[in-house]
Protein backbone atom coordinates (compact mmCIF):
# COMPACT_ATOMS: atom_id res chain seq x y z
CA UNK A 1 84.03 92.15 176.99
CA UNK A 2 86.61 90.50 174.72
CA UNK A 3 85.17 87.00 174.96
CA UNK A 4 81.64 85.63 175.09
CA UNK A 5 80.66 82.10 176.10
CA UNK A 6 77.70 80.97 174.02
CA UNK A 7 75.76 77.73 174.45
CA UNK A 8 73.31 75.99 172.13
CA UNK A 9 70.57 74.02 173.90
CA UNK A 10 69.17 71.25 171.71
CA UNK A 11 66.00 69.72 173.11
CA UNK A 12 63.09 67.52 172.20
CA UNK A 13 60.11 69.85 172.50
CA UNK A 14 57.04 68.43 174.25
CA UNK A 15 54.17 69.11 171.86
CA UNK A 16 51.95 72.00 173.00
CA UNK A 17 53.00 71.56 176.64
CA UNK A 18 54.29 74.91 177.87
CA UNK A 19 54.58 73.88 181.51
CA UNK A 20 56.53 70.74 180.61
CA UNK A 21 58.91 72.58 178.29
CA UNK A 22 59.53 75.33 180.83
CA UNK A 23 60.31 72.77 183.52
CA UNK A 24 62.71 71.02 181.15
CA UNK A 25 64.38 74.34 180.34
CA UNK A 26 64.88 75.32 183.97
CA UNK A 27 66.74 72.11 184.61
CA UNK A 28 69.20 72.87 181.83
CA UNK A 29 69.63 76.50 182.91
CA UNK A 30 70.44 75.48 186.47
CA UNK A 31 73.16 73.19 185.13
CA UNK A 32 74.66 75.98 182.98
CA UNK A 33 74.84 78.58 185.76
CA UNK A 34 78.33 80.07 185.87
CA UNK A 35 79.42 78.13 182.76
CA UNK A 36 78.13 80.35 179.96
CA UNK A 37 77.01 83.89 179.14
CA UNK A 38 74.28 83.18 176.56
CA UNK A 39 71.99 80.18 176.11
CA UNK A 40 70.18 79.79 172.78
CA UNK A 41 66.98 77.70 172.64
CA UNK A 42 65.16 76.23 169.63
CA UNK A 43 62.39 78.12 167.81
CA UNK A 44 58.98 78.01 169.57
CA UNK A 45 60.67 76.09 172.37
CA UNK A 46 57.59 76.03 174.61
CA UNK A 47 55.03 74.62 172.14
CA UNK A 48 56.67 73.25 169.00
CA UNK A 49 56.40 74.66 165.48
CA UNK A 50 52.99 74.51 163.84
CA UNK A 51 51.17 74.47 167.16
CA UNK A 52 47.82 76.25 167.42
CA UNK A 53 48.91 79.87 167.67
CA UNK A 54 45.46 81.27 168.42
CA UNK A 55 45.08 78.91 171.36
CA UNK A 56 48.63 78.93 172.71
CA UNK A 57 50.06 82.39 172.02
CA UNK A 58 50.53 84.73 174.96
CA UNK A 59 51.59 88.30 175.58
CA UNK A 60 55.06 89.47 176.50
CA UNK A 61 53.82 89.83 180.06
CA UNK A 62 52.55 86.25 180.14
CA UNK A 63 53.95 83.27 182.06
CA UNK A 64 56.56 82.23 179.46
CA UNK A 65 58.26 85.63 179.14
CA UNK A 66 57.95 86.19 182.88
CA UNK A 67 59.70 82.91 183.67
CA UNK A 68 62.46 83.51 181.12
CA UNK A 69 63.15 87.00 182.43
CA UNK A 70 63.30 85.75 186.01
CA UNK A 71 65.62 82.85 185.16
CA UNK A 72 68.00 85.06 183.17
CA UNK A 73 68.55 87.11 186.32
CA UNK A 74 68.58 84.13 188.68
CA UNK A 75 71.12 82.08 186.71
CA UNK A 76 73.20 85.03 185.52
CA UNK A 77 72.97 84.37 181.78
CA UNK A 78 71.17 85.69 178.73
CA UNK A 79 68.46 83.51 177.16
CA UNK A 80 67.49 83.63 173.47
CA UNK A 81 64.87 81.75 171.48
CA UNK A 82 61.33 82.28 170.18
CA UNK A 83 57.76 81.69 171.31
CA UNK A 84 54.22 82.18 170.02
CA UNK A 85 53.29 85.73 170.97
CA UNK A 86 49.98 87.58 170.95
CA UNK A 87 49.50 91.32 170.55
CA UNK A 88 45.90 91.67 171.62
CA UNK A 89 43.34 89.08 170.54
CA UNK A 90 43.83 89.13 166.77
CA UNK A 91 47.56 89.56 166.04
CA UNK A 92 49.98 86.66 166.48
CA UNK A 93 53.72 86.36 165.88
CA UNK A 94 56.63 83.95 166.03
CA UNK A 95 58.57 86.23 168.35
CA UNK A 96 62.29 85.96 168.97
CA UNK A 97 63.47 87.07 172.41
CA UNK A 98 66.67 87.93 174.22
CA UNK A 99 66.55 88.30 178.01
CA UNK A 100 69.63 89.51 179.87
CA UNK A 101 70.80 88.97 183.48
CA UNK A 102 70.42 92.72 183.97
CA UNK A 103 66.67 92.48 183.34
CA UNK A 104 66.72 93.85 179.80
CA UNK A 105 64.31 92.38 177.24
CA UNK A 106 64.59 92.45 173.46
CA UNK A 107 62.04 91.18 170.94
CA UNK A 108 62.07 90.73 167.18
CA UNK A 109 59.40 88.96 165.11
CA UNK A 110 60.18 86.34 162.49
CA UNK A 111 60.43 88.07 159.14
CA UNK A 112 59.95 85.18 156.70
CA UNK A 113 57.00 82.96 157.55
CA UNK A 114 57.16 79.39 156.28
CA UNK A 115 54.35 79.33 153.73
CA UNK A 116 54.78 75.60 152.96
CA UNK A 117 53.87 74.91 156.59
CA UNK A 118 50.96 77.35 156.64
CA UNK A 119 52.65 79.68 159.10
CA UNK A 120 51.56 82.81 157.24
CA UNK A 121 47.90 81.84 157.62
CA UNK A 122 48.02 82.32 161.38
CA UNK A 123 50.90 84.70 162.03
CA UNK A 124 52.06 88.14 160.90
CA UNK A 125 55.60 88.67 159.68
CA UNK A 126 58.06 90.98 161.39
CA UNK A 127 59.19 94.29 159.93
CA UNK A 128 62.05 95.24 162.26
CA UNK A 129 65.64 94.03 162.28
CA UNK A 130 67.31 94.97 165.57
CA UNK A 131 70.91 94.68 166.65
CA UNK A 132 71.17 93.66 170.31
CA UNK A 133 74.05 95.04 172.38
CA UNK A 134 75.22 92.65 175.09
CA UNK A 135 78.53 92.70 176.99
CA UNK A 136 80.24 94.67 174.26
CA UNK A 137 79.01 92.39 171.47
CA UNK A 138 76.52 93.24 168.73
CA UNK A 139 74.09 90.38 168.08
CA UNK A 140 71.52 89.78 165.35
CA UNK A 141 68.77 87.29 166.25
CA UNK A 142 66.78 85.62 163.44
CA UNK A 143 64.34 82.71 163.20
CA UNK A 144 64.53 79.48 161.17
CA UNK A 145 63.23 80.19 157.61
CA UNK A 146 65.02 83.58 157.76
CA UNK A 147 68.19 81.54 157.13
CA UNK A 148 67.24 81.10 153.47
CA UNK A 149 67.22 84.85 152.79
CA UNK A 150 70.75 86.31 152.84
CA UNK A 151 69.70 89.93 152.33
CA UNK A 152 67.86 89.99 155.68
CA UNK A 153 70.98 88.77 157.48
CA UNK A 154 73.44 90.94 155.54
CA UNK A 155 76.10 92.39 157.83
CA UNK A 156 76.40 95.95 156.55
CA UNK A 157 79.77 97.45 157.55
CA UNK A 158 80.18 94.94 160.38
CA UNK A 159 77.18 96.17 162.33
CA UNK A 160 77.01 92.87 164.24
CA UNK A 161 79.50 90.29 165.52
CA UNK A 162 77.31 87.28 166.24
CA UNK A 163 74.44 85.97 164.11
CA UNK A 164 71.97 83.73 165.96
CA UNK A 165 69.40 81.45 164.36
CA UNK A 166 66.74 79.62 166.39
CA UNK A 167 64.94 76.90 164.47
CA UNK A 168 62.69 73.90 164.08
CA UNK A 169 64.48 72.68 160.93
CA UNK A 170 63.38 69.19 159.76
CA UNK A 171 65.69 66.27 159.11
CA UNK A 172 64.53 66.09 155.49
CA UNK A 173 66.25 69.41 154.72
CA UNK A 174 69.27 69.05 157.00
CA UNK A 175 71.77 69.39 154.14
CA UNK A 176 70.47 72.88 153.40
CA UNK A 177 70.83 73.86 157.06
CA UNK A 178 74.49 72.85 157.19
CA UNK A 179 75.44 74.63 153.96
CA UNK A 180 73.57 77.88 154.62
CA UNK A 181 74.86 78.28 158.18
CA UNK A 182 78.46 78.08 156.96
CA UNK A 183 77.66 80.45 154.10
CA UNK A 184 76.15 83.05 156.45
CA UNK A 185 79.26 82.97 158.65
CA UNK A 186 81.63 83.35 155.71
CA UNK A 187 79.73 86.02 153.76
CA UNK A 188 79.06 88.14 156.85
CA UNK A 189 82.46 87.63 158.53
CA UNK A 190 80.80 86.86 161.85
CA UNK A 191 80.33 84.09 164.36
CA UNK A 192 77.17 82.03 163.84
CA UNK A 193 75.20 80.25 166.55
CA UNK A 194 72.28 78.05 165.50
CA UNK A 195 69.99 75.94 167.67
CA UNK A 196 67.59 73.31 166.36
CA UNK A 197 65.40 70.72 168.06
CA UNK A 198 65.34 66.91 168.00
CA UNK A 199 62.55 64.35 168.08
CA UNK A 200 59.16 64.21 166.37
CA UNK A 201 56.50 66.90 166.66
CA UNK A 202 52.72 66.62 166.77
CA UNK A 203 52.53 66.92 162.98
CA UNK A 204 54.79 63.92 162.44
CA UNK A 205 57.84 65.96 161.37
CA UNK A 206 61.19 64.52 162.48
CA UNK A 207 64.15 66.66 163.58
CA UNK A 208 67.76 65.52 163.96
CA UNK A 209 69.35 68.62 165.50
CA UNK A 210 72.47 70.09 163.99
CA UNK A 211 72.83 72.76 166.69
CA UNK A 212 76.26 74.35 166.38
CA UNK A 213 78.58 77.32 166.67
CA UNK A 214 80.71 78.39 163.70
CA UNK A 215 83.72 80.67 163.27
CA UNK A 216 83.72 83.63 160.84
CA UNK A 217 85.46 81.27 158.39
CA UNK A 218 82.63 78.76 158.66
CA UNK A 219 84.60 76.31 160.79
CA UNK A 220 82.88 74.24 163.43
CA UNK A 221 83.63 75.39 166.99
CA UNK A 222 81.15 73.25 168.94
CA UNK A 223 78.09 71.10 168.27
CA UNK A 224 75.54 68.88 169.98
CA UNK A 225 75.46 65.30 168.60
CA UNK A 226 72.62 64.58 166.17
CA UNK A 227 69.41 63.15 167.63
CA UNK A 228 70.53 63.94 171.18
CA UNK A 229 69.23 66.49 173.66
CA UNK A 230 71.99 68.48 175.30
CA UNK A 231 74.23 71.52 175.19
CA UNK A 232 77.45 72.62 173.54
CA UNK A 233 79.45 75.73 174.40
CA UNK A 234 82.14 77.76 172.64
CA UNK A 235 84.08 80.82 173.74
CA UNK A 236 84.03 83.51 171.05
CA UNK A 237 86.76 86.15 170.74
CA UNK A 238 86.03 89.72 169.68
CA UNK A 239 89.73 90.64 169.18
CA UNK A 240 90.19 87.63 166.89
CA UNK A 241 87.12 88.61 164.88
CA UNK A 242 88.29 92.19 164.49
CA UNK A 243 91.78 91.07 163.50
CA UNK A 244 90.33 88.82 160.79
CA UNK A 245 88.12 91.60 159.44
CA UNK A 246 91.08 93.97 159.38
CA UNK A 247 93.39 91.49 157.66
CA UNK A 248 90.80 90.37 155.11
CA UNK A 249 88.35 93.33 154.74
CA UNK A 250 85.93 91.97 152.15
CA UNK A 251 83.17 93.99 153.84
CA UNK A 252 84.68 97.19 152.40
CA UNK A 253 83.81 95.99 148.89
CA UNK A 254 80.23 94.95 149.65
CA UNK A 255 77.37 96.34 147.56
CA UNK A 256 75.34 99.13 149.12
CA UNK A 257 71.57 98.71 149.38
CA UNK A 258 68.59 99.58 151.55
CA UNK A 259 66.37 96.97 153.22
CA UNK A 260 62.63 97.45 152.78
CA UNK A 261 60.14 96.84 155.54
CA UNK A 262 62.42 97.79 158.42
CA UNK A 263 61.80 100.11 161.31
CA UNK A 264 63.99 101.42 164.07
């Protein structure tokens, strides 16, 4: 598929209220039916970041994943984001997901846990970096703090076309968010889609959004206004991306290296 319509969904997450956040999400998805191919939600969209993982995490067969999978099929669009996941009774993760209209499910756990927020005390970090194939596009899905680590997002020999970040990135560090997103697009010669939340969470942290889609040159394609809940959509072009990479092939001069801690 030469083009891909991608939407960022910027919301105010209801603190530790999975039912309320799922109901809010379904309303947005119904409104986007037929208007987009992929919808990207904020990090831990159903609970908020820093919520009680041991109390709120659920398995990949639980109600959150079940609802997302069903809605992806019902509304004919892929849904990406992250939620608090449990593998058994003692292992917990900040788990990124990608559900397709064809019923496919992809998962990848957050690699870099935010130590300043105590995330590593409750959760385990991911070890696998997967490239998702969807409608002819190769997509890499990462989570929030992963944005600060360029090696983990490095696009080796153009293995992916679209880099997606889902986040709960606070207003106090918004300047870093803006700069690093543009840098990741430019250095990896890829489209970047990043979704953040708005509002104040149960820990008193304030978020101003900044959800956006960027071109491979770091140019803004679409964005949701700061402090507002809503969506923004851009149509991405695979032929244009390939033409740019062919005309300006910086990737051919990239350093070779091997990532540690990966599987698959």
